[in-house]
Amino acid sequence: MRTNPETGIYSGYYRLVESYRNHSGRVCHRTLLNAGFLDALD
């Protein structure tokens, strides 16, 4: 959830992420795709 900068409304946002472990074994996330706001995808 985040604020849409165009409308100023707090709404859902689609983002495709990949989880992986770094060299020290800590879990990290890498963003692969920013798809957009829920209302924009209708």
PDB file of N, CA and C in Angstrom:
ATOM      1  N   MET A   1       0.849  -1.171   0.000  1.00  0.00           N
ATOM      2  CA  MET A   1       0.000   0.000   0.000  1.00  0.00           C
ATOM      3  C   MET A   1       0.899   1.241   0.000  1.00  0.00           C
ATOM      4  N   ARG A   2       0.495   2.203  -0.814  1.00  0.00           N
ATOM      5  CA  ARG A   2       1.219   3.475  -0.850  1.00  0.00           C
ATOM      6  C   ARG A   2       0.318   4.554  -1.428  1.00  0.00           C
ATOM      7  N   THR A   3       0.745   5.802  -1.335  1.00  0.00           N
ATOM      8  CA  THR A   3      -0.038   6.918  -1.842  1.00  0.00           C
ATOM      9  C   THR A   3       0.240   7.118  -3.328  1.00  0.00           C
ATOM     10  N   ASN A   4      -0.830   7.193  -4.106  1.00  0.00           N
ATOM     11  CA  ASN A   4      -0.725   7.448  -5.540  1.00  0.00           C
ATOM     12  C   ASN A   4      -0.384   8.924  -5.730  1.00  0.00           C
ATOM     13  N   PRO A   5       0.756   9.265  -6.326  1.00  0.00           N
ATOM     14  CA  PRO A   5       1.146  10.667  -6.471  1.00  0.00           C
ATOM     15  C   PRO A   5       0.222  11.467  -7.387  1.00  0.00           C
ATOM     16  N   GLU A   6      -0.459  10.806  -8.311  1.00  0.00           N
ATOM     17  CA  GLU A   6      -1.363  11.514  -9.220  1.00  0.00           C
ATOM     18  C   GLU A   6      -2.666  11.910  -8.543  1.00  0.00           C
ATOM     19  N   THR A   7      -3.199  11.017  -7.690  1.00  0.00           N
ATOM     20  CA  THR A   7      -4.496  11.275  -7.063  1.00  0.00           C
ATOM     21  C   THR A   7      -4.394  11.643  -5.595  1.00  0.00           C
ATOM     22  N   GLY A   8      -3.266  11.304  -4.949  1.00  0.00           N
ATOM     23  CA  GLY A   8      -3.110  11.559  -3.528  1.00  0.00           C
ATOM     24  C   GLY A   8      -3.866  10.561  -2.659  1.00  0.00           C
ATOM     25  N   ILE A   9      -4.394   9.511  -3.264  1.00  0.00           N
ATOM     26  CA  ILE A   9      -5.182   8.508  -2.545  1.00  0.00           C
ATOM     27  C   ILE A   9      -4.283   7.331  -2.175  1.00  0.00           C
ATOM     28  N   TYR A  10      -4.466   6.842  -0.944  1.00  0.00           N
ATOM     29  CA  TYR A  10      -3.732   5.679  -0.451  1.00  0.00           C
ATOM     30  C   TYR A  10      -4.369   4.433  -1.044  1.00  0.00           C
ATOM     31  N   SER A  11      -3.640   3.673  -1.865  1.00  0.00           N
ATOM     32  CA  SER A  11      -4.223   2.506  -2.527  1.00  0.00           C
ATOM     33  C   SER A  11      -3.178   1.415  -2.725  1.00  0.00           C
ATOM     34  N   GLY A  12      -3.656   0.235  -3.172  1.00  0.00           N
ATOM     35  CA  GLY A  12      -2.784  -0.911  -3.394  1.00  0.00           C
ATOM     36  C   GLY A  12      -1.886  -0.718  -4.595  1.00  0.00           C
ATOM     37  N   TYR A  13      -0.742  -1.384  -4.562  1.00  0.00           N
ATOM     38  CA  TYR A  13       0.268  -1.235  -5.608  1.00  0.00           C
ATOM     39  C   TYR A  13       0.867  -2.607  -5.882  1.00  0.00           C
ATOM     40  N   TYR A  14       0.924  -3.005  -7.150  1.00  0.00           N
ATOM     41  CA  TYR A  14       1.512  -4.295  -7.518  1.00  0.00           C
ATOM     42  C   TYR A  14       2.998  -4.149  -7.799  1.00  0.00           C
ATOM     43  N   ARG A  15       3.768  -5.039  -7.179  1.00  0.00           N
ATOM     44  CA  ARG A  15       5.215  -5.074  -7.391  1.00  0.00           C
ATOM     45  C   ARG A  15       5.645  -6.539  -7.333  1.00  0.00           C
ATOM     46  N   LEU A  16       6.376  -6.995  -8.333  1.00  0.00           N
ATOM     47  CA  LEU A  16       6.883  -8.363  -8.356  1.00  0.00           C
ATOM     48  C   LEU A  16       8.289  -8.346  -7.774  1.00  0.00           C
ATOM     49  N   VAL A  17       8.501  -9.133  -6.701  1.00  0.00           N
ATOM     50  CA  VAL A  17       9.802  -9.161  -6.039  1.00  0.00           C
ATOM     51  C   VAL A  17      10.354 -10.576  -5.996  1.00  0.00           C
ATOM     52  N   GLU A  18      11.657 -10.662  -5.884  1.00  0.00           N
ATOM     53  CA  GLU A  18      12.362 -11.932  -5.756  1.00  0.00           C
ATOM     54  C   GLU A  18      13.064 -11.925  -4.406  1.00  0.00           C
ATOM     55  N   SER A  19      12.940 -13.015  -3.654  1.00  0.00           N
ATOM     56  CA  SER A  19      13.636 -13.154  -2.379  1.00  0.00           C
ATOM     57  C   SER A  19      14.895 -13.982  -2.590  1.00  0.00           C
ATOM     58  N   TYR A  20      15.964 -13.583  -1.931  1.00  0.00           N
ATOM     59  CA  TYR A  20      17.228 -14.306  -2.042  1.00  0.00           C
ATOM     60  C   TYR A  20      18.033 -14.100  -0.768  1.00  0.00           C
ATOM     61  N   ARG A  21      19.046 -14.910  -0.575  1.00  0.00           N
ATOM     62  CA  ARG A  21      19.949 -14.756   0.566  1.00  0.00           C
ATOM     63  C   ARG A  21      21.276 -14.182   0.068  1.00  0.00           C
ATOM     64  N   ASN A  22      21.766 -13.176   0.777  1.00  0.00           N
ATOM     65  CA  ASN A  22      23.042 -12.577   0.384  1.00  0.00           C
ATOM     66  C   ASN A  22      24.202 -13.432   0.906  1.00  0.00           C
ATOM     67  N   HIS A  23      25.414 -12.979   0.720  1.00  0.00           N
ATOM     68  CA  HIS A  23      26.599 -13.765   1.076  1.00  0.00           C
ATOM     69  C   HIS A  23      26.693 -14.091   2.565  1.00  0.00           C
ATOM     70  N   SER A  24      26.063 -13.278   3.427  1.00  0.00           N
ATOM     71  CA  SER A  24      26.099 -13.542   4.869  1.00  0.00           C
ATOM     72  C   SER A  24      24.878 -14.323   5.351  1.00  0.00           C
ATOM     73  N   GLY A  25      24.007 -14.746   4.424  1.00  0.00           N
ATOM     74  CA  GLY A  25      22.847 -15.555   4.789  1.00  0.00           C
ATOM     75  C   GLY A  25      21.597 -14.763   5.121  1.00  0.00           C
ATOM     76  N   ARG A  26      21.647 -13.456   5.007  1.00  0.00           N
ATOM     77  CA  ARG A  26      20.495 -12.609   5.310  1.00  0.00           C
ATOM     78  C   ARG A  26      19.516 -12.614   4.137  1.00  0.00           C
ATOM     79  N   VAL A  27      18.208 -12.690   4.440  1.00  0.00           N
ATOM     80  CA  VAL A  27      17.189 -12.675   3.393  1.00  0.00           C
ATOM     81  C   VAL A  27      17.012 -11.245   2.885  1.00  0.00           C
ATOM     82  N   CYS A  28      17.055 -11.082   1.562  1.00  0.00           N
ATOM     83  CA  CYS A  28      16.878  -9.781   0.918  1.00  0.00           C
ATOM     84  C   CYS A  28      15.821  -9.909  -0.168  1.00  0.00           C
ATOM     85  N   HIS A  29      15.327  -8.772  -0.640  1.00  0.00           N
ATOM     86  CA  HIS A  29      14.317  -8.751  -1.693  1.00  0.00           C
ATOM     87  C   HIS A  29      14.796  -7.843  -2.813  1.00  0.00           C
ATOM     88  N   ARG A  30      14.566  -8.287  -4.027  1.00  0.00           N
ATOM     89  CA  ARG A  30      14.945  -7.528  -5.221  1.00  0.00           C
ATOM     90  C   ARG A  30      13.677  -7.282  -6.035  1.00  0.00           C
ATOM     91  N   THR A  31      13.395  -6.017  -6.374  1.00  0.00           N
ATOM     92  CA  THR A  31      12.230  -5.692  -7.194  1.00  0.00           C
ATOM     93  C   THR A  31      12.526  -6.022  -8.647  1.00  0.00           C
ATOM     94  N   LEU A  32      11.662  -6.866  -9.244  1.00  0.00           N
ATOM     95  CA  LEU A  32      11.819  -7.254 -10.642  1.00  0.00           C
ATOM     96  C   LEU A  32      10.929  -6.426 -11.560  1.00  0.00           C
ATOM     97  N   LEU A  33       9.737  -6.055 -11.062  1.00  0.00           N
ATOM     98  CA  LEU A  33       8.778  -5.340 -11.896  1.00  0.00           C
ATOM     99  C   LEU A  33       7.876  -4.478 -11.033  1.00  0.00           C
ATOM    100  N   ASN A  34       7.722  -3.209 -11.371  1.00  0.00           N
ATOM    101  CA  ASN A  34       6.741  -2.328 -10.753  1.00  0.00           C
ATOM    102  C   ASN A  34       5.558  -2.250 -11.701  1.00  0.00           C
ATOM    103  N   ALA A  35       4.471  -2.972 -11.376  1.00  0.00           N
ATOM    104  CA  ALA A  35       3.326  -3.078 -12.288  1.00  0.00           C
ATOM    105  C   ALA A  35       2.401  -1.874 -12.203  1.00  0.00           C
ATOM    106  N   GLY A  36       2.215  -1.313 -11.027  1.00  0.00           N
ATOM    107  CA  GLY A  36       1.380  -0.127 -10.913  1.00  0.00           C
ATOM    108  C   GLY A  36       0.320  -0.235  -9.836  1.00  0.00           C
ATOM    109  N   PHE A  37      -0.493   0.803  -9.740  1.00  0.00           N
ATOM    110  CA  PHE A  37      -1.550   0.865  -8.741  1.00  0.00           C
ATOM    111  C   PHE A  37      -2.725  -0.008  -9.139  1.00  0.00           C
ATOM    112  N   LEU A  38      -3.452  -0.528  -8.144  1.00  0.00           N
ATOM    113  CA  LEU A  38      -4.585  -1.413  -8.395  1.00  0.00           C
ATOM    114  C   LEU A  38      -5.635  -0.759  -9.269  1.00  0.00           C
ATOM    115  N   ASP A  39      -5.987   0.501  -8.993  1.00  0.00           N
ATOM    116  CA  ASP A  39      -7.024   1.180  -9.767  1.00  0.00           C
ATOM    117  C   ASP A  39      -6.582   1.444 -11.207  1.00  0.00           C
ATOM    118  N   ALA A  40      -5.281   1.581 -11.443  1.00  0.00           N
ATOM    119  CA  ALA A  40      -4.775   1.825 -12.796  1.00  0.00           C
ATOM    120  C   ALA A  40      -4.763   0.547 -13.636  1.00  0.00           C
ATOM    121  N   LEU A  41      -4.848  -0.614 -12.998  1.00  0.00           N
ATOM    122  CA  LEU A  41      -4.779  -1.883 -13.711  1.00  0.00           C
ATOM    123  C   LEU A  41      -6.147  -2.400 -14.120  1.00  0.00           C
ATOM    124  N   ASP A  42      -7.213  -1.746 -13.727  1.00  0.00           N
ATOM    125  CA  ASP A  42      -8.578  -2.189 -14.080  1.00  0.00           C
ATOM    126  C   ASP A  42      -8.854  -2.073 -15.551  1.00  0.00           C
TER     127      ASP A  42
END
